[in-house]
Amino acid sequence: MSDSSHFVFPPAAVVSVPVVGTTARFPVQRVYCVGRNYEEHAKEMGFTGREAPFFFLKPANALLPVADGATARMPYPSLTKDLHHEVELVVAIGLGGKNIPASEADHHIFGYAVGLDMTRRDLQNDMKKQGRPWSIGKAFDNSAPIGPITPASLAGATAQAEIALDVNGSARQRSDTSKLIWSVPEIIEHLSAAWELRAGDLIYTGTPQGVAAVVPGDTMLATIAGLVPLRVQVV
């Protein structure tokens, strides 16, 4: 499509995330999420074992980008009475590709960030019982807060890093990224077999045990060692 094309209304602005160490921003294409990727969380949800990885998506405009040192204000979403937090390591893809071997996955990673996969748990559970898609429970507005992306060369040892979430100063989630059932390279291998990954894609890699509800007034502090913390207040 040429630059002279006309649109029936102005196109939406590109969704983007701050990048550590630069004023440039990371333009987002798609947001993939990995389900049940920590064993203890899988048990928490009523499942066991190393099942094959599975994925769902959130729209790019579900992101809530948060600057370093800022506290984002997330409106409590409609239709739910059971909003849950899920802290996750987010992988930012800088080089696309299809059928990427796990051994080559690192070459496709631009950087890493701390993210939250916010979930309308009651709606998700209703959809599970009916065998229907989870979109209404997972892909709502502001459901994917994300902190600044740290380039891979500046990030800590993300394959073995403490991952945690506090609510109002009290510990809720505590684990280590080494406990991912499917590692980041394995996730990229599986994901790129199903979709051709593109520069700008984000991958939320799964949450550890300890997910629970938050209510208006609660402040969440999500951390992963070596990355910029993420702070979000529910309003």
Protein backbone atom coordinates (compact mmCIF):
# COMPACT_ATOMS: atom_id res chain seq x y z
CA MET A 1 0.00 0.00 0.00
CA SER A 2 1.48 3.36 -1.03
CA ASP A 3 1.97 6.36 1.23
CA SER A 4 -0.66 8.20 -0.82
CA SER A 5 -3.40 5.74 0.24
CA HIS A 6 -6.46 7.25 1.86
CA PHE A 7 -8.20 5.72 4.88
CA VAL A 8 -11.86 5.96 5.82
CA PHE A 9 -10.70 7.20 9.26
CA PRO A 10 -7.24 7.97 10.68
CA PRO A 11 -5.35 4.74 11.50
CA ALA A 12 -4.51 4.06 15.13
CA ALA A 13 -1.11 5.04 16.44
CA VAL A 14 1.53 2.31 16.64
CA VAL A 15 1.55 0.64 20.06
CA SER A 16 5.06 0.83 21.51
CA VAL A 17 7.03 0.12 24.69
CA PRO A 18 9.95 2.11 26.17
CA VAL A 19 13.44 0.67 25.76
CA VAL A 20 16.07 0.92 28.48
CA GLY A 21 19.05 3.13 27.59
CA THR A 22 17.49 4.94 24.63
CA THR A 23 14.68 7.31 23.69
CA ALA A 24 13.71 4.92 20.88
CA ARG A 25 10.66 2.75 21.47
CA PHE A 26 9.86 -0.86 20.57
CA PRO A 27 6.92 -1.03 18.09
CA VAL A 28 4.61 -3.92 18.92
CA GLN A 29 3.14 -6.33 16.38
CA ARG A 30 1.44 -9.23 18.21
CA VAL A 31 1.24 -10.37 21.82
CA TYR A 32 1.52 -14.12 22.37
CA CYS A 33 0.98 -15.73 25.77
CA VAL A 34 2.00 -19.20 26.97
CA GLY A 35 -0.48 -21.02 29.19
CA ARG A 36 0.38 -23.00 32.35
CA ASN A 37 4.17 -22.86 31.97
CA TYR A 38 5.21 -23.28 35.63
CA GLU A 39 4.49 -26.66 37.24
CA GLU A 40 3.23 -25.29 40.56
CA HIS A 41 0.89 -22.87 38.78
CA ALA A 42 -0.38 -25.70 36.58
CA LYS A 43 -1.19 -27.65 39.75
CA GLU A 44 -2.81 -24.52 41.18
CA MET A 45 -5.10 -24.50 38.12
CA GLY A 46 -5.86 -28.22 38.49
CA PHE A 47 -3.37 -29.66 36.00
CA THR A 48 -0.12 -31.64 36.31
CA GLY A 49 2.74 -32.76 34.12
CA ARG A 50 4.64 -31.25 31.20
CA GLU A 51 1.87 -30.89 28.66
CA ALA A 52 2.67 -29.63 25.18
CA PRO A 53 2.92 -25.83 25.17
CA PHE A 54 -0.19 -23.94 24.14
CA PHE A 55 -0.73 -20.30 23.27
CA PHE A 56 -3.32 -17.55 23.25
CA LEU A 57 -3.09 -13.98 22.03
CA LYS A 58 -3.92 -10.52 23.28
CA PRO A 59 -4.35 -7.54 20.94
CA ALA A 60 -1.45 -5.10 20.87
CA ASN A 61 -3.73 -2.35 22.16
CA ALA A 62 -4.37 -4.41 25.31
CA LEU A 63 -0.85 -3.41 26.41
CA LEU A 64 -0.39 -0.90 29.21
CA PRO A 65 3.23 0.31 28.79
CA VAL A 66 4.77 1.73 31.98
CA ALA A 67 7.86 3.95 32.08
CA ASP A 68 10.78 3.30 34.43
CA GLY A 69 9.90 4.61 37.90
CA ALA A 70 6.25 5.30 37.04
CA THR A 71 3.11 3.77 38.54
CA ALA A 72 0.46 3.00 35.94
CA ARG A 73 -3.23 3.31 36.76
CA MET A 74 -5.21 0.34 35.50
CA PRO A 75 -9.00 0.73 35.52
CA TYR A 76 -10.78 -2.23 37.08
CA PRO A 77 -12.35 -3.98 34.06
CA SER A 78 -16.05 -4.45 33.46
CA LEU A 79 -18.01 -7.72 33.81
CA THR A 80 -15.74 -9.31 36.43
CA LYS A 81 -15.68 -9.71 40.20
CA ASP A 82 -12.45 -11.74 40.24
CA LEU A 83 -9.51 -9.91 38.61
CA HIS A 84 -6.25 -11.87 39.01
CA HIS A 85 -2.60 -10.87 38.67
CA GLU A 86 -0.06 -13.05 36.80
CA VAL A 87 3.55 -11.83 36.74
CA GLU A 88 5.52 -12.98 33.68
CA LEU A 89 8.85 -12.71 31.89
CA VAL A 90 8.18 -11.07 28.52
CA VAL A 91 10.40 -11.75 25.49
CA ALA A 92 10.62 -9.10 22.76
CA ILE A 93 11.37 -10.45 19.29
CA GLY A 94 13.78 -8.38 17.23
CA LEU A 95 14.28 -10.71 14.26
CA GLY A 96 11.41 -12.67 12.80
CA GLY A 97 11.42 -16.15 11.36
CA LYS A 98 9.60 -19.46 10.98
CA ASN A 99 10.60 -22.89 12.29
CA ILE A 100 13.35 -21.40 14.45
CA PRO A 101 15.38 -24.11 16.21
CA ALA A 102 15.75 -23.64 19.97
CA SER A 103 19.51 -23.56 19.45
CA GLU A 104 19.15 -20.39 17.35
CA ALA A 105 16.37 -18.69 19.32
CA ASP A 106 18.65 -16.25 21.15
CA HIS A 107 19.55 -14.58 17.84
CA HIS A 108 15.90 -13.57 17.41
CA ILE A 109 15.49 -11.92 20.84
CA PHE A 110 15.74 -8.14 21.11
CA GLY A 111 15.23 -7.98 24.86
CA TYR A 112 13.18 -8.77 27.94
CA ALA A 113 10.64 -7.04 30.19
CA VAL A 114 8.46 -7.63 33.23
CA GLY A 115 4.80 -8.06 32.34
CA LEU A 116 1.43 -8.78 33.91
CA ASP A 117 -1.15 -11.04 32.30
CA MET A 118 -4.24 -9.68 34.05
CA THR A 119 -7.13 -12.13 33.96
CA ARG A 120 -10.87 -11.90 34.52
CA ARG A 121 -10.72 -15.29 36.23
CA ASP A 122 -14.46 -15.77 36.69
CA LEU A 123 -15.08 -15.17 32.99
CA GLN A 124 -12.17 -17.39 31.98
CA ASN A 125 -13.47 -20.20 34.18
CA ASP A 126 -16.94 -19.87 32.68
CA MET A 127 -15.46 -20.19 29.19
CA LYS A 128 -13.43 -23.25 30.22
CA LYS A 129 -16.55 -24.99 31.53
CA GLN A 130 -18.33 -24.33 28.24
CA GLY A 131 -15.37 -25.30 26.05
CA ARG A 132 -15.24 -21.80 24.58
CA PRO A 133 -12.29 -19.48 23.85
CA TRP A 134 -10.77 -17.52 26.74
CA SER A 135 -10.64 -14.15 24.96
CA ILE A 136 -13.16 -12.43 27.21
CA GLY A 137 -11.12 -13.48 30.26
CA LYS A 138 -7.69 -12.62 28.86
CA ALA A 139 -7.76 -10.10 26.01
CA PHE A 140 -9.57 -7.09 27.47
CA ASP A 141 -8.38 -3.46 27.52
CA ASN A 142 -5.26 -2.82 29.67
CA SER A 143 -4.92 -6.55 30.38
CA ALA A 144 -1.20 -6.61 29.57
CA PRO A 145 0.81 -4.09 31.62
CA ILE A 146 4.48 -4.11 30.65
CA GLY A 147 7.59 -2.36 31.92
CA PRO A 148 10.46 -1.03 29.79
CA ILE A 149 12.26 -3.54 27.58
CA THR A 150 15.87 -4.20 28.52
CA PRO A 151 18.00 -5.13 25.48
CA ALA A 152 19.30 -8.69 25.74
CA SER A 153 22.89 -7.48 25.97
CA LEU A 154 22.02 -5.48 29.11
CA ALA A 155 19.65 -7.94 30.77
CA GLY A 156 20.65 -10.21 33.61
CA ALA A 157 20.56 -14.00 33.52
CA THR A 158 16.91 -14.20 32.54
CA ALA A 159 17.00 -18.00 32.30
CA GLN A 160 17.65 -18.18 36.05
CA ALA A 161 16.19 -15.11 37.74
CA GLU A 162 13.90 -14.53 40.68
CA ILE A 163 10.39 -13.58 39.56
CA ALA A 164 8.03 -12.06 42.13
CA LEU A 165 4.91 -10.00 42.69
CA ASP A 166 3.85 -8.06 45.78
CA VAL A 167 0.47 -6.48 46.41
CA ASN A 168 0.46 -3.52 48.80
CA GLY A 169 3.87 -4.64 50.06
CA SER A 170 2.82 -8.24 50.80
CA ALA A 171 4.31 -11.15 48.87
CA ARG A 172 1.96 -13.00 46.52
CA GLN A 173 4.07 -14.72 43.85
CA ARG A 174 7.64 -15.97 44.32
CA SER A 175 9.57 -18.29 41.99
CA ASP A 176 12.47 -18.46 39.54
CA THR A 177 12.44 -18.39 35.75
CA SER A 178 14.54 -21.58 35.80
CA LYS A 179 11.28 -23.32 36.76
CA LEU A 180 9.64 -22.60 33.40
CA ILE A 181 8.35 -25.92 32.07
CA TRP A 182 9.20 -24.81 28.53
CA SER A 183 12.28 -22.57 28.34
CA VAL A 184 12.35 -19.41 26.26
CA PRO A 185 14.26 -21.06 23.37
CA GLU A 186 11.81 -23.99 23.40
CA ILE A 187 8.85 -21.58 23.42
CA ILE A 188 10.25 -19.76 20.38
CA GLU A 189 10.79 -23.07 18.57
CA HIS A 190 7.19 -24.20 19.19
CA LEU A 191 5.65 -20.79 18.53
CA SER A 192 7.53 -20.22 15.27
CA ALA A 193 6.32 -23.60 13.99
CA ALA A 194 2.74 -22.35 14.26
CA TRP A 195 3.22 -18.69 13.24
CA GLU A 196 5.95 -16.85 11.37
CA LEU A 197 7.31 -14.59 14.09
CA ARG A 198 7.88 -10.94 13.27
CA ALA A 199 10.07 -8.22 14.67
CA GLY A 200 7.89 -6.46 17.24
CA ASP A 201 6.19 -9.58 18.58
CA LEU A 202 6.02 -10.01 22.35
CA ILE A 203 5.84 -13.35 24.17
CA TYR A 204 4.44 -13.54 27.71
CA THR A 205 6.08 -16.75 28.91
CA GLY A 206 3.79 -17.88 31.74
CA THR A 207 3.26 -17.20 35.44
CA PRO A 208 4.33 -19.02 38.62
CA GLN A 209 2.05 -20.08 41.47
CA GLY A 210 0.38 -17.58 43.79
CA VAL A 211 -2.09 -15.92 41.44
CA ALA A 212 -4.88 -14.17 43.33
CA ALA A 213 -7.39 -11.36 43.12
CA VAL A 214 -6.79 -7.63 43.28
CA VAL A 215 -9.33 -4.87 43.88
CA PRO A 216 -9.43 -1.11 43.27
CA GLY A 217 -6.81 0.61 45.41
CA ASP A 218 -4.34 -2.28 45.30
CA THR A 219 -0.82 -1.59 44.03
CA MET A 220 1.12 -4.41 42.37
CA LEU A 221 4.91 -4.47 42.19
CA ALA A 222 6.19 -7.03 39.69
CA THR A 223 9.91 -7.81 39.57
CA ILE A 224 12.37 -10.05 37.75
CA ALA A 225 16.03 -9.91 38.75
CA GLY A 226 18.05 -7.92 36.20
CA LEU A 227 15.05 -6.14 34.66
CA VAL A 228 13.22 -2.87 35.34
CA PRO A 229 10.41 -3.38 37.91
CA LEU A 230 6.77 -2.83 36.96
CA ARG A 231 4.34 -1.01 39.27
CA VAL A 232 0.59 -0.87 38.58
CA GLN A 233 -2.27 0.43 40.71
CA VAL A 234 -5.80 -0.83 40.15
CA VAL A 235 -8.29 2.05 40.15
